[in-house]
C-alpha atoms as a PDB file:
ATOM      1  CA  MET A   1      70.560 144.559 -41.486  1.00  0.00           C
ATOM      2  CA  GLY A   2      72.985 146.156 -38.798  1.00  0.00           C
ATOM      3  CA  TYR A   3      73.850 144.700 -35.158  1.00  0.00           C
ATOM      4  CA  VAL A   4      72.991 146.052 -31.862  1.00  0.00           C
ATOM      5  CA  VAL A   5      75.817 145.523 -29.469  1.00  0.00           C
ATOM      6  CA  ASN A   6      75.030 147.269 -25.916  1.00  0.00           C
ATOM      7  CA  GLY A   7      72.032 149.350 -27.142  1.00  0.00           C
ATOM      8  CA  VAL A   8      73.546 150.759 -29.835  1.00  0.00           C
ATOM      9  CA  GLU A   9      72.626 149.431 -33.550  1.00  0.00           C
ATOM     10  CA  LEU A  10      75.733 149.281 -35.585  1.00  0.00           C
ATOM     11  CA  GLU A  11      75.643 150.351 -39.536  1.00  0.00           C
ATOM     12  CA  THR A  12      76.094 147.463 -41.959  1.00  0.00           C
ATOM     13  CA  ASP A  13      76.519 147.240 -45.297  1.00  0.00           C
ATOM     14  CA  ASP A  14      74.050 144.759 -47.734  1.00  0.00           C
ATOM     15  CA  GLU A  15      76.248 141.793 -46.682  1.00  0.00           C
ATOM     16  CA  GLY A  16      76.327 142.464 -43.479  1.00  0.00           C
ATOM     17  CA  PHE A  17      80.232 143.849 -42.731  1.00  0.00           C
ATOM     18  CA  LEU A  18      80.389 147.005 -40.590  1.00  0.00           C
ATOM     19  CA  LEU A  19      80.811 150.135 -42.352  1.00  0.00           C
ATOM     20  CA  GLU A  20      83.482 151.116 -39.862  1.00  0.00           C
ATOM     21  CA  PRO A  21      85.629 148.948 -37.620  1.00  0.00           C
ATOM     22  CA  ASP A  22      84.476 147.933 -34.397  1.00  0.00           C
ATOM     23  CA  TYR A  23      87.335 146.008 -32.245  1.00  0.00           C
ATOM     24  CA  GLY A  24      85.003 145.357 -29.052  1.00  0.00           C
ATOM     25  CA  GLU A  25      84.793 141.947 -27.727  1.00  0.00           C
ATOM     26  CA  GLU A  26      81.301 142.170 -27.174  1.00  0.00           C
ATOM     27  CA  VAL A  27      80.511 142.434 -31.160  1.00  0.00           C
ATOM     28  CA  VAL A  28      82.298 139.397 -32.228  1.00  0.00           C
ATOM     29  CA  LYS A  29      79.892 137.542 -29.596  1.00  0.00           C
ATOM     30  CA  VAL A  30      77.182 139.384 -31.300  1.00  0.00           C
ATOM     31  CA  ILE A  31      77.986 138.690 -35.103  1.00  0.00           C
ATOM     32  CA  ALA A  32      78.961 135.200 -34.236  1.00  0.00           C
ATOM     33  CA  ALA A  33      75.803 134.535 -32.781  1.00  0.00           C
ATOM     34  CA  ALA A  34      73.934 136.325 -35.837  1.00  0.00           C
ATOM     35  CA  GLU A  35      76.267 133.900 -37.936  1.00  0.00           C
ATOM     36  CA  GLY A  36      75.204 130.633 -36.036  1.00  0.00           C
ATOM     37  CA  ILE A  37      79.053 130.290 -34.852  1.00  0.00           C
ATOM     38  CA  ALA A  38      80.351 129.218 -31.318  1.00  0.00           C
ATOM     39  CA  LEU A  39      83.291 130.705 -30.430  1.00  0.00           C
ATOM     40  CA  THR A  40      86.345 128.578 -29.773  1.00  0.00           C
ATOM     41  CA  ASP A  41      90.119 129.512 -28.598  1.00  0.00           C
ATOM     42  CA  ASP A  42      90.982 129.457 -32.379  1.00  0.00           C
ATOM     43  CA  HIS A  43      87.878 131.041 -34.028  1.00  0.00           C
ATOM     44  CA  TRP A  44      89.720 134.244 -31.465  1.00  0.00           C
ATOM     45  CA  THR A  45      93.032 133.555 -32.874  1.00  0.00           C
ATOM     46  CA  VAL A  46      92.106 133.994 -36.187  1.00  0.00           C
ATOM     47  CA  ILE A  47      89.604 137.494 -35.600  1.00  0.00           C
ATOM     48  CA  GLN A  48      92.805 139.041 -33.388  1.00  0.00           C
ATOM     49  CA  TYR A  49      94.894 137.962 -36.346  1.00  0.00           C
ATOM     50  CA  MET A  50      92.055 139.795 -39.109  1.00  0.00           C
ATOM     51  CA  ARG A  51      92.015 142.474 -36.662  1.00  0.00           C
ATOM     52  CA  ASP A  52      95.924 142.964 -36.618  1.00  0.00           C
ATOM     53  CA  LYS A  53      96.291 142.955 -40.138  1.00  0.00           C
ATOM     54  CA  TYR A  54      93.833 145.412 -40.700  1.00  0.00           C
ATOM     55  CA  LYS A  55      95.330 147.779 -38.226  1.00  0.00           C
ATOM     56  CA  ASP A  56      98.604 147.732 -39.561  1.00  0.00           C
ATOM     57  CA  GLU A  57      97.990 147.162 -43.394  1.00  0.00           C
ATOM     58  CA  GLY A  58      94.651 148.802 -43.940  1.00  0.00           C
ATOM     59  CA  HIS A  59      93.034 145.549 -45.027  1.00  0.00           C
ATOM     60  CA  THR A  60      92.735 141.720 -44.480  1.00  0.00           C
ATOM     61  CA  PRO A  61      94.449 139.482 -46.680  1.00  0.00           C
ATOM     62  CA  ASN A  62      93.123 136.589 -49.007  1.00  0.00           C
ATOM     63  CA  PHE A  63      92.710 133.298 -47.738  1.00  0.00           C
ATOM     64  CA  ARG A  64      96.076 132.327 -49.484  1.00  0.00           C
ATOM     65  CA  ALA A  65      98.341 134.436 -47.379  1.00  0.00           C
ATOM     66  CA  MET A  66      95.850 133.539 -44.083  1.00  0.00           C
ATOM     67  CA  THR A  67      96.972 130.003 -44.928  1.00  0.00           C
ATOM     68  CA  LYS A  68     100.586 130.983 -45.281  1.00  0.00           C
ATOM     69  CA  ASP A  69     100.568 133.156 -42.052  1.00  0.00           C
ATOM     70  CA  PHE A  70      98.572 130.911 -40.053  1.00  0.00           C
ATOM     71  CA  ASP A  71     101.480 127.818 -40.931  1.00  0.00           C
ATOM     72  CA  GLN A  72     104.216 129.962 -40.173  1.00  0.00           C
ATOM     73  CA  GLU A  73     103.019 131.345 -36.950  1.00  0.00           C
ATOM     74  CA  HIS A  74     100.917 128.523 -35.819  1.00  0.00           C
ATOM     75  CA  PRO A  75     102.423 125.443 -37.050  1.00  0.00           C
ATOM     76  CA  GLY A  76     101.312 121.624 -36.425  1.00  0.00           C
ATOM     77  CA  LYS A  77      97.604 122.082 -37.800  1.00  0.00           C
ATOM     78  CA  ASP A  78      96.178 122.055 -41.425  1.00  0.00           C
ATOM     79  CA  TRP A  79      95.113 125.760 -41.312  1.00  0.00           C
ATOM     80  CA  LYS A  80      93.654 125.356 -44.957  1.00  0.00           C
ATOM     81  CA  LYS A  81      91.352 122.729 -43.446  1.00  0.00           C
ATOM     82  CA  LEU A  82      90.864 123.928 -40.266  1.00  0.00           C
ATOM     83  CA  LEU A  83      89.587 127.442 -41.505  1.00  0.00           C
ATOM     84  CA  TYR A  84      87.018 126.317 -43.313  1.00  0.00           C
ATOM     85  CA  VAL A  85      85.797 124.438 -40.198  1.00  0.00           C
ATOM     86  CA  LEU A  86      86.020 127.218 -38.322  1.00  0.00           C
ATOM     87  CA  PHE A  87      84.038 129.856 -40.773  1.00  0.00           C
ATOM     88  CA  PRO A  88      82.541 127.592 -43.177  1.00  0.00           C
ATOM     89  CA  MET A  89      80.999 130.544 -45.531  1.00  0.00           C
ATOM     90  CA  GLN A  90      84.624 131.600 -47.168  1.00  0.00           C
ATOM     91  CA  PRO A  91      86.840 131.686 -44.323  1.00  0.00           C
ATOM     92  CA  ASN A  92      88.926 135.219 -45.067  1.00  0.00           C
ATOM     93  CA  ARG A  93      85.492 137.178 -45.600  1.00  0.00           C
ATOM     94  CA  GLN A  94      83.194 135.469 -42.934  1.00  0.00           C
ATOM     95  CA  SER A  95      86.012 136.014 -40.014  1.00  0.00           C
ATOM     96  CA  ALA A  96      86.786 140.022 -41.292  1.00  0.00           C
ATOM     97  CA  ARG A  97      82.719 140.226 -40.565  1.00  0.00           C
ATOM     98  CA  ILE A  98      82.969 138.666 -37.426  1.00  0.00           C
ATOM     99  CA  ALA A  99      85.961 140.465 -36.015  1.00  0.00           C
ATOM    100  CA  GLY A 100      83.980 143.994 -36.902  1.00  0.00           C
ATOM    101  CA  LEU A 101      85.341 144.639 -40.017  1.00  0.00           C
ATOM    102  CA  PRO A 102      84.552 146.236 -43.353  1.00  0.00           C
ATOM    103  CA  LYS A 103      84.078 144.402 -46.012  1.00  0.00           C
ATOM    104  CA  PRO A 104      87.469 143.099 -47.677  1.00  0.00           C
ATOM    105  CA  PHE A 105      88.126 144.737 -51.475  1.00  0.00           C
ATOM    106  CA  GLY A 106      90.059 143.623 -54.612  1.00  0.00           C
ATOM    107  CA  LYS A 107      89.509 140.877 -56.967  1.00  0.00           C
ATOM    108  CA  ALA A 108      85.847 139.516 -55.749  1.00  0.00           C
ATOM    109  CA  GLY A 109      85.177 141.350 -52.918  1.00  0.00           C
ATOM    110  CA  TYR A 110      88.925 140.000 -51.370  1.00  0.00           C
END
């Protein structure tokens, strides 16, 4: 299964993660639509965070690290709950997929 963005088919693994990162805005819209996600400002905040972490660290954070970072950087919201509302199919995996990033690695795919 690949995604077609601007007439180009992007290669994915069997879970729909891109094999190579794509930081374009259009790829986010295409993958989010395929996942049934209507993007909001909070979605974009998480997507940018995931992309920044991937660029800086070479991988995406696990869920615990995500919630800790969001609680510190964006106080006033229950991020643990909100992340599941925004990305109901495992927040750190689904947000990484929609952000156009390769599959998270580590324990159980994280």
